[in-house]
N, C-alpha and C. Protein backbone atom coordinates (compact mmCIF):
# COMPACT_ATOMS: atom_id res chain seq x y z
N MET A 1 19.85 -36.20 45.77
CA MET A 1 19.84 -35.51 46.91
C MET A 1 19.18 -35.07 48.33
N SER A 2 19.96 -35.35 49.37
CA SER A 2 17.96 -35.41 50.41
C SER A 2 18.28 -33.59 50.84
N SER A 3 17.25 -33.68 51.28
CA SER A 3 16.71 -32.02 51.28
C SER A 3 18.35 -31.95 53.46
N THR A 4 19.28 -32.29 53.59
CA THR A 4 20.02 -32.02 54.50
C THR A 4 21.33 -31.87 53.76
N ASP A 5 21.43 -32.35 52.55
CA ASP A 5 22.61 -31.69 51.78
C ASP A 5 22.23 -29.94 51.39
N ASN A 6 23.26 -29.80 51.63
CA ASN A 6 24.54 -28.44 51.37
C ASN A 6 24.87 -28.05 50.26
N GLY A 7 25.53 -28.87 49.37
CA GLY A 7 26.32 -28.54 48.54
C GLY A 7 25.90 -27.54 47.71
N GLY A 8 24.33 -26.93 47.02
CA GLY A 8 24.39 -25.06 46.77
C GLY A 8 25.06 -24.49 47.75
N ASP A 9 24.71 -24.33 49.12
CA ASP A 9 25.76 -23.26 49.70
C ASP A 9 26.73 -23.38 49.75
N ASP A 10 27.01 -24.29 49.92
CA ASP A 10 28.68 -23.94 49.47
C ASP A 10 29.48 -24.33 48.48
N GLU A 11 28.65 -24.11 47.17
CA GLU A 11 29.28 -23.54 46.12
C GLU A 11 29.47 -22.30 46.05
N PHE A 12 28.00 -21.99 46.43
CA PHE A 12 28.43 -20.21 46.38
C PHE A 12 28.99 -19.52 47.29
N ASN A 13 28.97 -20.05 47.65
CA ASN A 13 30.08 -19.62 49.11
C ASN A 13 32.14 -19.67 48.96
N VAL A 14 32.05 -21.08 47.93
CA VAL A 14 33.16 -20.66 47.08
C VAL A 14 33.01 -20.00 46.39
N PHE A 15 32.20 -19.65 45.37
CA PHE A 15 32.24 -19.01 44.78
C PHE A 15 32.83 -17.37 45.43
N ARG A 16 31.79 -16.88 45.97
CA ARG A 16 32.05 -16.13 46.61
C ARG A 16 33.32 -15.35 47.56
N GLU A 17 34.40 -16.37 47.89
CA GLU A 17 35.38 -16.08 48.12
C GLU A 17 36.43 -16.19 47.18
N ALA A 18 36.34 -16.65 46.12
CA ALA A 18 37.12 -16.93 44.91
C ALA A 18 37.02 -15.39 44.03
N MET A 19 35.70 -14.85 43.99
CA MET A 19 35.57 -12.59 43.61
C MET A 19 35.62 -11.94 45.10
N GLN A 20 35.80 -12.28 45.99
CA GLN A 20 37.11 -11.63 47.09
C GLN A 20 37.70 -9.91 47.13
N GLY A 21 38.17 -10.13 45.82
CA GLY A 21 39.30 -8.83 45.31
C GLY A 21 39.11 -8.62 43.74
N VAL A 22 38.18 -9.28 43.70
CA VAL A 22 37.29 -8.44 42.07
C VAL A 22 37.47 -7.30 41.46
N ILE A 23 37.45 -6.00 40.83
CA ILE A 23 36.83 -5.17 40.71
C ILE A 23 36.20 -4.90 39.50
N PRO A 24 35.08 -4.81 39.15
CA PRO A 24 33.95 -4.60 38.57
C PRO A 24 34.80 -4.06 37.72
N LEU A 25 35.35 -3.77 36.12
CA LEU A 25 35.39 -3.67 35.20
C LEU A 25 34.27 -2.02 34.48
N GLU A 26 34.94 -1.29 33.77
CA GLU A 26 34.30 -0.03 33.91
C GLU A 26 34.38 0.18 31.84
N HIS A 27 33.31 0.18 31.07
CA HIS A 27 32.69 0.93 30.32
C HIS A 27 32.11 1.89 29.76
N ASP A 28 32.45 2.35 28.76
CA ASP A 28 31.62 3.65 28.12
C ASP A 28 30.44 3.21 27.18
N LYS A 29 30.57 2.24 27.10
CA LYS A 29 28.71 1.95 26.38
C LYS A 29 27.72 2.12 26.98
N ALA A 30 26.74 1.85 26.42
CA ALA A 30 25.59 2.72 26.87
C ALA A 30 25.01 0.71 26.61
N SER A 31 24.21 0.81 28.12
CA SER A 31 23.88 -0.40 28.64
C SER A 31 22.94 -0.47 27.62
N PRO A 32 22.33 -2.29 27.61
CA PRO A 32 21.17 -3.04 26.70
C PRO A 32 19.36 -3.38 26.53
N TRP A 33 19.92 -2.40 28.13
CA TRP A 33 18.01 -2.21 28.58
C TRP A 33 18.25 -0.58 27.49
N LYS A 34 16.26 -0.49 26.77
CA LYS A 34 16.09 0.26 26.13
C LYS A 34 15.08 1.16 26.26
N ARG A 35 14.35 2.11 26.92
CA ARG A 35 13.40 2.98 26.55
C ARG A 35 11.78 2.48 26.15
N ARG A 36 11.05 1.13 26.13
CA ARG A 36 10.21 1.65 24.99
C ARG A 36 9.40 2.78 24.87
N GLN A 37 8.75 1.75 23.43
CA GLN A 37 7.92 2.88 23.05
C GLN A 37 6.89 2.64 23.26
N ARG A 38 5.59 4.20 23.76
CA ARG A 38 5.07 3.63 23.88
C ARG A 38 3.92 3.14 22.77
N PRO A 39 2.61 2.26 23.27
CA PRO A 39 2.28 1.91 21.69
C PRO A 39 1.38 2.39 21.18
N VAL A 40 1.09 2.06 19.46
CA VAL A 40 -0.25 3.13 19.75
C VAL A 40 -1.40 2.47 19.27
N PRO A 41 -2.40 2.49 19.81
CA PRO A 41 -3.58 1.86 19.07
C PRO A 41 -3.91 2.32 17.18
N ARG A 42 -4.64 0.45 17.38
CA ARG A 42 -4.81 0.39 15.76
C ARG A 42 -6.00 1.04 15.55
N LYS A 43 -6.55 1.09 14.40
CA LYS A 43 -7.90 1.52 14.27
C LYS A 43 -8.07 0.13 13.61
N HIS A 44 -10.16 0.60 14.53
CA HIS A 44 -11.02 -0.69 14.08
C HIS A 44 -11.38 -0.55 12.78
N ALA A 45 -11.55 -1.80 13.04
CA ALA A 45 -12.02 -2.32 11.46
C ALA A 45 -13.03 -1.39 10.82
N ALA A 46 -14.02 -0.95 11.50
CA ALA A 46 -14.80 0.15 10.91
C ALA A 46 -14.15 1.57 10.41
N GLU A 47 -12.72 1.95 11.42
CA GLU A 47 -12.74 3.16 11.05
C GLU A 47 -12.03 3.40 9.94
N GLU A 48 -11.29 1.36 9.47
CA GLU A 48 -10.21 1.82 8.35
C GLU A 48 -10.75 1.48 7.47
N GLN A 49 -11.12 2.32 6.16
CA GLN A 49 -12.42 1.85 4.84
C GLN A 49 -10.43 1.70 3.74
N PRO A 50 -10.87 0.21 3.01
CA PRO A 50 -10.01 0.55 2.16
C PRO A 50 -10.27 1.67 0.68
N GLY A 51 -10.17 3.18 0.52
CA GLY A 51 -10.29 3.93 -0.15
C GLY A 51 -9.79 4.91 0.22
N ASP A 52 -9.95 4.93 1.64
CA ASP A 52 -10.03 5.88 3.25
C ASP A 52 -8.66 6.84 2.54
N GLU A 53 -7.23 6.36 1.63
CA GLU A 53 -6.48 7.05 1.38
C GLU A 53 -6.51 8.46 0.31
N PHE A 54 -7.75 8.36 -0.18
CA PHE A 54 -7.95 9.10 -1.24
C PHE A 54 -8.63 10.67 -0.79
N ALA A 55 -7.71 11.40 -1.49
CA ALA A 55 -8.24 13.24 -1.18
C ALA A 55 -9.24 13.44 -1.98
N ASP A 56 -10.36 14.06 -1.90
CA ASP A 56 -11.22 14.45 -3.43
C ASP A 56 -10.27 16.43 -3.75
N THR A 57 -10.22 16.05 -5.06
CA THR A 57 -10.28 17.52 -5.24
C THR A 57 -10.56 18.32 -6.50
N SER A 58 -11.51 19.47 -7.12
CA SER A 58 -12.07 19.23 -8.08
C SER A 58 -11.37 20.08 -8.88
N GLU A 59 -11.26 19.11 -10.10
CA GLU A 59 -10.28 19.84 -11.10
C GLU A 59 -11.30 19.06 -12.17
N GLU A 60 -11.02 19.56 -13.71
CA GLU A 60 -10.74 19.59 -14.78
C GLU A 60 -11.12 17.95 -15.47
N THR A 61 -11.84 17.49 -16.14
CA THR A 61 -11.09 16.09 -16.53
C THR A 61 -10.91 16.29 -17.33
N PRO A 62 -10.07 15.87 -18.69
CA PRO A 62 -9.86 15.48 -20.04
C PRO A 62 -10.24 14.45 -20.20
N ASP A 63 -11.08 14.85 -22.24
CA ASP A 63 -11.83 13.83 -22.93
C ASP A 63 -10.75 11.83 -22.62
N PHE A 64 -9.09 11.76 -22.64
CA PHE A 64 -8.08 11.36 -22.46
C PHE A 64 -7.34 11.10 -21.18
N LEU A 65 -7.48 9.94 -20.14
CA LEU A 65 -6.94 10.51 -19.38
C LEU A 65 -5.51 9.58 -19.72
N GLU A 66 -4.84 10.53 -18.32
CA GLU A 66 -2.69 10.53 -19.05
C GLU A 66 -3.15 10.27 -17.82
N PHE A 67 -1.94 10.16 -17.00
CA PHE A 67 -1.11 10.18 -16.85
C PHE A 67 0.64 8.81 -16.46
N ARG A 68 1.38 9.39 -15.93
CA ARG A 68 2.42 8.20 -15.88
C ARG A 68 3.77 9.51 -15.24
N ARG A 69 4.54 8.49 -13.85
CA ARG A 69 5.16 8.14 -13.23
C ARG A 69 6.06 8.82 -13.91
N PRO A 70 7.68 10.28 -13.49
CA PRO A 70 8.86 10.54 -14.20
C PRO A 70 9.56 8.55 -13.69
N GLY A 71 10.64 8.91 -14.83
CA GLY A 71 10.96 7.14 -15.14
C GLY A 71 10.24 6.65 -15.87
N ILE A 72 9.37 5.99 -16.21
CA ILE A 72 8.52 5.23 -16.63
C ILE A 72 9.31 4.90 -18.30
N GLN A 73 9.02 3.83 -18.47
CA GLN A 73 9.63 4.13 -20.16
C GLN A 73 8.64 3.98 -21.17
N HIS A 74 9.67 4.95 -22.07
CA HIS A 74 8.75 4.96 -23.39
C HIS A 74 7.46 4.23 -23.89
N ARG A 75 8.70 3.27 -24.23
CA ARG A 75 7.68 1.73 -24.54
C ARG A 75 7.08 0.93 -24.23
N LEU A 76 7.10 1.37 -22.68
CA LEU A 76 6.40 0.44 -21.44
C LEU A 76 4.29 1.51 -21.05
N TRP A 77 5.38 2.73 -21.77
CA TRP A 77 4.24 4.17 -22.11
C TRP A 77 3.49 3.62 -23.36
N SER A 78 3.79 3.45 -24.11
CA SER A 78 3.14 3.27 -25.06
C SER A 78 3.17 1.84 -25.32
N ASP A 79 3.40 0.91 -24.63
CA ASP A 79 2.54 -0.43 -24.68
C ASP A 79 1.50 -0.03 -24.00
N LEU A 80 1.59 0.64 -22.57
CA LEU A 80 -0.09 0.15 -22.09
C LEU A 80 -0.90 0.82 -22.29
N GLN A 81 -0.75 2.34 -23.52
CA GLN A 81 -1.53 3.17 -24.37
C GLN A 81 -2.52 2.61 -25.25
N ARG A 82 -1.58 1.65 -26.45
CA ARG A 82 -1.86 0.83 -27.69
C ARG A 82 -2.37 -0.49 -26.96
N GLY A 83 -2.66 -0.39 -26.24
CA GLY A 83 -3.24 -1.50 -24.85
C GLY A 83 -2.71 -3.57 -25.27
N VAL A 84 -1.06 -3.29 -25.77
CA VAL A 84 -0.21 -4.05 -25.66
C VAL A 84 -0.28 -4.73 -24.63
N LEU A 85 0.62 -4.15 -23.40
CA LEU A 85 -0.03 -5.38 -21.31
C LEU A 85 -1.88 -5.19 -22.03
N ALA A 86 -1.82 -6.71 -21.99
CA ALA A 86 -2.84 -7.21 -22.03
C ALA A 86 -3.38 -6.93 -19.47
N PRO A 87 -5.33 -6.45 -19.59
CA PRO A 87 -5.43 -6.37 -18.26
C PRO A 87 -5.26 -7.77 -17.89
N GLU A 88 -4.72 -7.87 -16.06
CA GLU A 88 -4.63 -9.27 -15.56
C GLU A 88 -5.85 -9.18 -14.75
N ALA A 89 -6.81 -8.50 -14.92
CA ALA A 89 -7.84 -8.14 -13.98
C ALA A 89 -8.14 -6.72 -14.10
N THR A 90 -10.11 -6.74 -13.75
CA THR A 90 -11.13 -6.17 -14.01
C THR A 90 -12.08 -4.89 -13.15
N LEU A 91 -11.85 -3.89 -13.06
CA LEU A 91 -13.10 -3.45 -11.85
C LEU A 91 -13.89 -2.71 -12.76
N ASP A 92 -15.60 -2.80 -12.35
CA ASP A 92 -16.31 -2.34 -12.97
C ASP A 92 -16.87 -1.23 -12.39
N LEU A 93 -16.96 0.34 -12.13
CA LEU A 93 -17.78 1.03 -11.12
C LEU A 93 -18.30 1.56 -11.35
N HIS A 94 -19.17 1.03 -12.91
CA HIS A 94 -20.83 1.39 -13.88
C HIS A 94 -21.74 1.58 -13.03
N GLY A 95 -21.80 3.43 -12.32
CA GLY A 95 -23.37 2.87 -11.20
C GLY A 95 -23.18 3.05 -9.86
N MET A 96 -22.01 2.81 -9.36
CA MET A 96 -22.25 3.42 -7.96
C MET A 96 -21.93 4.43 -8.17
N ARG A 97 -21.45 5.01 -6.09
CA ARG A 97 -22.39 6.13 -5.90
C ARG A 97 -19.51 6.92 -5.50
N VAL A 98 -20.01 7.88 -5.58
CA VAL A 98 -18.17 8.13 -5.13
C VAL A 98 -18.40 7.09 -4.11
N ARG A 99 -18.43 7.40 -2.93
CA ARG A 99 -18.39 6.82 -1.29
C ARG A 99 -18.05 4.88 -1.86
N ASP A 100 -19.09 4.45 -2.97
CA ASP A 100 -18.49 2.67 -2.76
C ASP A 100 -17.48 3.09 -4.00
N ALA A 101 -17.02 3.66 -4.65
CA ALA A 101 -16.20 3.27 -5.86
C ALA A 101 -15.32 3.80 -5.33
N ARG A 102 -15.01 4.61 -4.19
CA ARG A 102 -13.68 5.20 -3.41
C ARG A 102 -13.06 3.15 -2.56
N GLN A 103 -13.88 3.30 -1.90
CA GLN A 103 -13.51 1.49 -1.41
C GLN A 103 -13.56 1.08 -2.77
N ALA A 104 -14.11 0.55 -3.35
CA ALA A 104 -13.69 -0.73 -4.45
C ALA A 104 -12.60 -0.14 -5.15
N LEU A 105 -12.18 0.93 -5.45
CA LEU A 105 -10.68 1.54 -6.08
C LEU A 105 -9.45 0.73 -4.72
N GLY A 106 -9.86 1.38 -3.80
CA GLY A 106 -9.07 0.67 -3.25
C GLY A 106 -9.31 -0.46 -3.08
N LEU A 107 -9.85 -1.48 -2.27
CA LEU A 107 -9.54 -2.67 -2.60
C LEU A 107 -9.42 -3.85 -3.54
N PHE A 108 -9.44 -3.04 -4.17
CA PHE A 108 -9.00 -3.63 -6.12
C PHE A 108 -7.86 -3.10 -5.79
N LEU A 109 -7.48 -2.35 -5.89
CA LEU A 109 -5.88 -2.27 -5.93
C LEU A 109 -4.59 -2.47 -4.72
N ASN A 110 -4.88 -2.82 -4.12
CA ASN A 110 -4.77 -3.46 -2.50
C ASN A 110 -4.13 -5.14 -2.78
N GLN A 111 -5.57 -5.51 -3.73
CA GLN A 111 -5.91 -6.62 -3.70
C GLN A 111 -4.75 -7.08 -4.83
N SER A 112 -5.19 -6.64 -5.81
CA SER A 112 -4.50 -6.83 -7.18
C SER A 112 -2.97 -6.59 -6.99
N LEU A 113 -1.94 -5.29 -6.44
CA LEU A 113 -1.01 -5.25 -5.70
C LEU A 113 -0.63 -6.47 -5.24
N ALA A 114 -1.93 -6.95 -3.94
CA ALA A 114 -1.35 -8.24 -2.76
C ALA A 114 0.07 -9.32 -4.96
N ALA A 115 -1.29 -9.70 -5.25
CA ALA A 115 -1.74 -10.24 -6.49
C ALA A 115 -0.08 -10.19 -7.42
N ARG A 116 0.41 -9.62 -7.40
CA ARG A 116 1.83 -8.75 -8.09
C ARG A 116 1.25 -9.09 -9.37
N ARG A 117 0.01 -8.24 -9.98
CA ARG A 117 -0.77 -7.58 -11.13
C ARG A 117 0.06 -6.66 -11.82
N ARG A 118 0.45 -6.78 -12.58
CA ARG A 118 1.35 -5.95 -13.61
C ARG A 118 0.45 -4.28 -14.11
N CYS A 119 -0.54 -5.38 -14.85
CA CYS A 119 -1.29 -4.51 -15.71
C CYS A 119 -3.33 -4.76 -15.61
N VAL A 120 -3.83 -3.45 -14.76
CA VAL A 120 -5.66 -3.54 -14.65
C VAL A 120 -6.18 -2.29 -15.14
N ARG A 121 -7.40 -2.79 -15.61
CA ARG A 121 -8.90 -2.93 -16.42
C ARG A 121 -9.78 -1.90 -15.11
N ILE A 122 -9.53 -0.75 -15.62
CA ILE A 122 -10.95 -0.18 -14.33
C ILE A 122 -11.68 0.52 -15.88
N ILE A 123 -13.44 0.06 -15.42
CA ILE A 123 -14.67 0.53 -16.27
C ILE A 123 -14.20 1.85 -15.23
N HIS A 124 -14.78 3.22 -15.51
CA HIS A 124 -15.86 4.18 -15.30
C HIS A 124 -16.76 4.84 -15.47
N GLY A 125 -16.80 4.41 -16.80
CA GLY A 125 -17.99 5.05 -17.99
C GLY A 125 -17.68 5.93 -18.01
N LYS A 126 -18.69 6.52 -19.09
CA LYS A 126 -18.01 7.58 -19.66
C LYS A 126 -18.83 8.86 -19.17
N GLY A 127 -20.21 8.24 -18.22
CA GLY A 127 -20.34 8.94 -17.74
C GLY A 127 -21.63 10.51 -18.40
N ARG A 128 -22.55 10.11 -19.33
CA ARG A 128 -23.71 10.94 -20.01
C ARG A 128 -24.56 10.87 -20.03
N GLY A 129 -24.85 10.11 -18.14
CA GLY A 129 -25.94 10.83 -16.99
C GLY A 129 -25.19 11.78 -16.78
N SER A 130 -24.44 12.22 -16.30
CA SER A 130 -24.05 13.30 -15.72
C SER A 130 -24.13 14.68 -15.83
N SER A 131 -24.75 15.78 -15.25
CA SER A 131 -24.77 17.09 -16.15
C SER A 131 -24.17 17.90 -16.60
N ARG A 132 -22.77 17.53 -15.57
CA ARG A 132 -21.91 18.37 -16.21
C ARG A 132 -20.74 17.75 -16.72
N GLN A 133 -19.48 16.85 -16.43
CA GLN A 133 -18.56 16.06 -17.01
C GLN A 133 -18.91 14.58 -15.69
N PRO A 134 -18.04 13.79 -16.20
CA PRO A 134 -18.63 12.06 -15.51
C PRO A 134 -18.03 12.81 -13.98
N VAL A 135 -17.96 11.99 -13.54
CA VAL A 135 -18.26 12.42 -12.14
C VAL A 135 -16.72 11.23 -11.61
N LEU A 136 -17.44 10.10 -11.59
CA LEU A 136 -15.83 8.91 -11.75
C LEU A 136 -14.59 9.14 -11.98
N LYS A 137 -14.54 9.40 -13.74
CA LYS A 137 -14.11 9.50 -14.48
C LYS A 137 -13.32 10.98 -14.20
N GLN A 138 -13.16 11.34 -13.35
CA GLN A 138 -12.66 12.73 -12.84
C GLN A 138 -12.04 12.62 -11.83
N ARG A 139 -13.26 12.53 -10.58
CA ARG A 139 -12.49 10.72 -9.43
C ARG A 139 -11.12 10.07 -9.42
N LEU A 140 -11.51 9.05 -10.12
CA LEU A 140 -10.63 8.98 -10.76
C LEU A 140 -9.34 8.36 -10.93
N ASN A 141 -9.12 10.08 -11.93
CA ASN A 141 -8.01 11.14 -12.51
C ASN A 141 -7.50 11.25 -11.17
N GLN A 142 -8.17 12.32 -10.39
CA GLN A 142 -7.84 12.36 -8.94
C GLN A 142 -7.13 11.56 -7.69
N TRP A 143 -7.76 10.40 -8.05
CA TRP A 143 -7.40 9.80 -7.12
C TRP A 143 -5.78 8.53 -7.05
N LEU A 144 -6.02 8.35 -8.42
CA LEU A 144 -4.66 7.13 -9.21
C LEU A 144 -3.49 7.73 -8.96
N PRO A 145 -3.20 9.20 -9.21
CA PRO A 145 -2.33 9.12 -9.27
C PRO A 145 -1.74 9.30 -7.38
N GLN A 146 -2.50 9.59 -5.82
CA GLN A 146 -2.21 9.62 -4.67
C GLN A 146 -1.87 7.94 -4.13
N LYS A 147 -1.96 7.31 -5.07
CA LYS A 147 -1.24 6.31 -4.67
C LYS A 147 -0.06 5.05 -5.42
N LYS A 148 1.10 5.63 -4.42
CA LYS A 148 2.39 5.35 -5.59
C LYS A 148 2.35 4.32 -5.88
N GLU A 149 1.48 3.55 -6.19
CA GLU A 149 2.21 1.70 -6.59
C GLU A 149 1.25 2.59 -7.89
N VAL A 150 0.94 3.01 -7.76
CA VAL A 150 0.26 3.45 -10.27
C VAL A 150 1.27 4.29 -10.53
N LEU A 151 2.46 2.85 -11.25
CA LEU A 151 3.00 3.61 -12.04
C LEU A 151 2.89 4.38 -12.82
N ALA A 152 1.55 4.64 -14.17
CA ALA A 152 1.30 5.41 -15.00
C ALA A 152 -0.47 4.74 -15.26
N TYR A 153 -1.33 5.52 -15.96
CA TYR A 153 -1.92 5.63 -16.26
C TYR A 153 -2.37 6.11 -17.74
N CYS A 154 -3.46 5.52 -18.36
CA CYS A 154 -4.20 6.34 -19.47
C CYS A 154 -5.53 5.66 -19.69
N SER A 155 -6.41 6.62 -20.78
CA SER A 155 -7.80 5.85 -21.45
C SER A 155 -6.87 4.05 -22.72
N ALA A 156 -8.49 3.57 -21.67
CA ALA A 156 -8.40 2.47 -22.41
C ALA A 156 -7.99 2.62 -24.52
N PRO A 157 -8.21 1.35 -25.54
CA PRO A 157 -7.69 1.36 -26.83
C PRO A 157 -9.81 1.77 -26.41
N ARG A 158 -9.82 2.34 -28.43
CA ARG A 158 -11.46 1.79 -28.06
C ARG A 158 -11.96 0.75 -28.32
N TRP A 159 -11.40 -0.39 -28.88
CA TRP A 159 -11.90 -1.96 -28.98
C TRP A 159 -12.31 -2.11 -27.73
N ASP A 160 -11.36 -1.91 -26.11
CA ASP A 160 -11.07 -1.99 -24.64
C ASP A 160 -11.72 -1.00 -23.95
N GLY A 161 -13.10 -0.86 -24.47
CA GLY A 161 -14.03 0.61 -23.55
C GLY A 161 -13.70 1.84 -23.92
N GLY A 162 -12.45 2.27 -24.54
CA GLY A 162 -12.24 4.01 -25.43
C GLY A 162 -11.85 5.20 -23.73
N THR A 163 -12.61 5.61 -23.95
CA THR A 163 -12.44 6.51 -23.01
C THR A 163 -13.26 6.62 -21.77
N GLY A 164 -13.99 5.12 -21.79
CA GLY A 164 -15.55 4.61 -20.40
C GLY A 164 -14.29 3.95 -19.24
N ALA A 165 -13.49 3.81 -19.99
CA ALA A 165 -12.17 2.42 -19.16
C ALA A 165 -10.79 3.22 -18.69
N ALA A 166 -9.60 2.79 -18.55
CA ALA A 166 -8.89 2.60 -18.22
C ALA A 166 -7.53 2.14 -17.57
N TYR A 167 -6.58 1.80 -18.33
CA TYR A 167 -6.02 0.71 -17.91
C TYR A 167 -4.57 1.36 -16.73
N VAL A 168 -4.44 0.33 -15.79
CA VAL A 168 -3.95 0.83 -14.36
C VAL A 168 -2.36 0.33 -14.93
N LEU A 169 -1.00 0.93 -14.81
CA LEU A 169 0.19 0.24 -14.43
C LEU A 169 0.32 0.64 -13.37
N LEU A 170 1.07 -1.40 -12.58
CA LEU A 170 1.00 -1.24 -11.19
C LEU A 170 2.76 -1.31 -11.01
N SER A 171 2.83 -0.75 -9.33
CA SER A 171 4.63 -1.70 -9.47
C SER A 171 4.29 -3.01 -8.64
N ARG A 172 5.40 -3.32 -9.11
CA ARG A 172 5.19 -5.00 -8.94
C ARG A 172 6.78 -5.34 -7.02
N LYS A 173 6.62 -4.57 -6.63
CA LYS A 173 7.86 -3.93 -6.04
C LYS A 173 7.03 -3.42 -4.68
N TRP A 174 5.10 -4.29 -4.22
CA TRP A 174 4.85 -3.26 -3.27
C TRP A 174 4.61 -4.74 -1.89
N GLY A 175 5.03 -4.57 -1.06
CA GLY A 175 4.78 -5.49 0.55
C GLY A 175 5.70 -5.60 0.81
N ASP A 176 7.83 -5.10 -0.24
CA ASP A 176 8.72 -6.78 0.37
C ASP A 176 9.28 -5.60 0.82
């Protein structure tokens, strides 16, 4: 086509003449345009550390740890307590400071949930070097119920750490 060809303008004029008497339809529907929400700034990696979701409280910790959410079957709970469910991974918190243990626990639980592990073991130690009660055991007893993906936990059997370790039952529905 040459630049002197006005075929595009002719088509537009024909369309305009054809639509001359048309009245637009009225409707009660909302227009498809939506106001966009304001963006929320993301936290920097330095601000957001694994384990930051755990809050500290001060409470007495029993010798044997026991926690289970409602709806956990008695048979599954019994298997966890007896050590029938073999731990698929282990985290050793021996000798860590509370802040480091909190971060290690958060990272370990997130990795275990992403790997769809069912049962894990956390070694916290018996705290014989502590003045009053085992610090990491107490904190672990506070932190684990705060994570909704933790279904249950209890002290490990004597042959697998006893009161110095805990078996943790995790949900496999995380991230779905």
